[in-house]
Amino acid sequence: MLNKSVPITNRRGLHARSASVLAKTSSKFKSEIGISSSSAKANGKNIMSLLLLQASFDSNINIQISGEDEAQAMETIVALIKNKFGEEE
């Protein structure tokens, strides 16, 4: 199992579009992907549960991944978040 804390750096935080991109990206992997914030826990493959995290700009989320492709999943998801979900330059 891999575990990593990552800050949300895009100005809009984890809103509908970014949550959709995160869920689609997570769904490409076989591993179990859990994401949590200070207010909730979510299935990383479910857009509705990701929206309930209420992860705003400059908040931290914790990513937990377990499974056969966990290393690749973590690398891809962290890169997506650090790239601000492709929304900003």
Protein backbone atom coordinates (compact mmCIF):
# COMPACT_ATOMS: atom_id res chain seq x y z
CA MET A 1 0.00 0.00 0.00
CA LEU A 2 1.23 3.46 -0.92
CA ASN A 3 0.21 6.63 0.91
CA LYS A 4 1.00 10.22 -0.02
CA SER A 5 -0.21 13.67 0.97
CA VAL A 6 -0.53 16.17 -1.89
CA PRO A 7 -1.61 19.84 -1.88
CA ILE A 8 -4.35 21.06 -4.21
CA THR A 9 -2.72 23.93 -6.10
CA ASN A 10 -5.23 24.84 -8.78
CA ARG A 11 -7.25 27.95 -7.91
CA ARG A 12 -10.66 26.28 -8.15
CA GLY A 13 -9.73 23.33 -5.97
CA LEU A 14 -11.26 19.91 -6.59
CA HIS A 15 -14.44 21.00 -8.42
CA ALA A 16 -16.63 19.13 -10.95
CA ARG A 17 -14.23 19.16 -13.91
CA SER A 18 -11.10 18.31 -11.94
CA ALA A 19 -12.96 15.60 -9.99
CA SER A 20 -14.13 14.12 -13.29
CA VAL A 21 -10.58 14.06 -14.66
CA LEU A 22 -9.30 12.50 -11.43
CA ALA A 23 -12.02 9.81 -11.44
CA LYS A 24 -11.38 8.94 -15.11
CA THR A 25 -7.64 8.74 -14.52
CA SER A 26 -8.08 6.60 -11.40
CA SER A 27 -10.45 4.25 -13.22
CA LYS A 28 -7.68 3.27 -15.64
CA PHE A 29 -5.94 1.37 -12.83
CA LYS A 30 -6.81 -1.95 -11.22
CA SER A 31 -5.66 -0.84 -7.78
CA GLU A 32 -7.99 0.37 -5.03
CA ILE A 33 -7.66 4.16 -4.81
CA GLY A 34 -8.83 6.06 -1.75
CA ILE A 35 -8.58 9.80 -1.32
CA SER A 36 -9.29 11.70 1.86
CA SER A 37 -9.41 15.28 3.04
CA SER A 38 -9.89 16.75 6.47
CA SER A 39 -13.66 16.44 6.01
CA ALA A 40 -14.29 13.13 4.21
CA LYS A 41 -13.01 9.97 2.54
CA ALA A 42 -13.68 9.09 -1.09
CA ASN A 43 -13.36 6.36 -3.66
CA GLY A 44 -10.91 7.84 -6.17
CA LYS A 45 -12.88 6.30 -9.03
CA ASN A 46 -16.20 7.90 -8.08
CA ILE A 47 -16.78 11.54 -9.05
CA MET A 48 -19.59 12.08 -6.56
CA SER A 49 -17.56 10.90 -3.59
CA LEU A 50 -14.60 13.03 -4.77
CA LEU A 51 -16.80 16.14 -4.79
CA LEU A 52 -17.78 15.46 -1.17
CA LEU A 53 -14.13 15.93 -0.15
CA GLN A 54 -14.60 19.69 -0.51
CA ALA A 55 -10.90 20.03 -1.26
CA SER A 56 -10.28 23.70 -1.91
CA PHE A 57 -7.20 25.56 -3.11
CA ASP A 58 -4.19 25.05 -0.86
CA SER A 59 -5.76 22.18 1.08
CA ASN A 60 -4.09 18.78 1.33
CA ILE A 61 -5.53 15.47 0.25
CA ASN A 62 -4.19 12.08 1.23
CA ILE A 63 -3.99 9.40 -1.45
CA GLN A 64 -3.95 5.69 -0.51
CA ILE A 65 -3.42 3.14 -3.26
CA SER A 66 -3.26 -0.62 -2.94
CA GLY A 67 -2.94 -3.15 -5.73
CA GLU A 68 -0.85 -4.58 -8.51
CA ASP A 69 -0.33 -1.28 -10.36
CA GLU A 70 -0.17 0.96 -7.28
CA ALA A 71 3.20 2.58 -8.09
CA GLN A 72 2.15 3.62 -11.59
CA ALA A 73 -1.24 4.80 -10.31
CA MET A 74 0.35 6.95 -7.60
CA GLU A 75 2.84 8.48 -10.02
CA THR A 76 0.10 9.30 -12.55
CA ILE A 77 -2.35 10.73 -10.01
CA VAL A 78 0.24 12.86 -8.22
CA ALA A 79 1.45 14.23 -11.59
CA LEU A 80 -2.15 15.06 -12.55
CA ILE A 81 -2.71 16.98 -9.31
CA LYS A 82 0.64 18.78 -9.52
CA ASN A 83 -0.24 19.71 -13.14
CA LYS A 84 -3.40 21.38 -11.74
CA PHE A 85 -5.61 18.87 -13.59
CA GLY A 86 -4.53 20.51 -16.87
CA GLU A 87 -6.56 23.62 -16.07
CA GLU A 88 -3.86 26.24 -15.55
CA GLU A 89 -0.46 27.02 -16.95
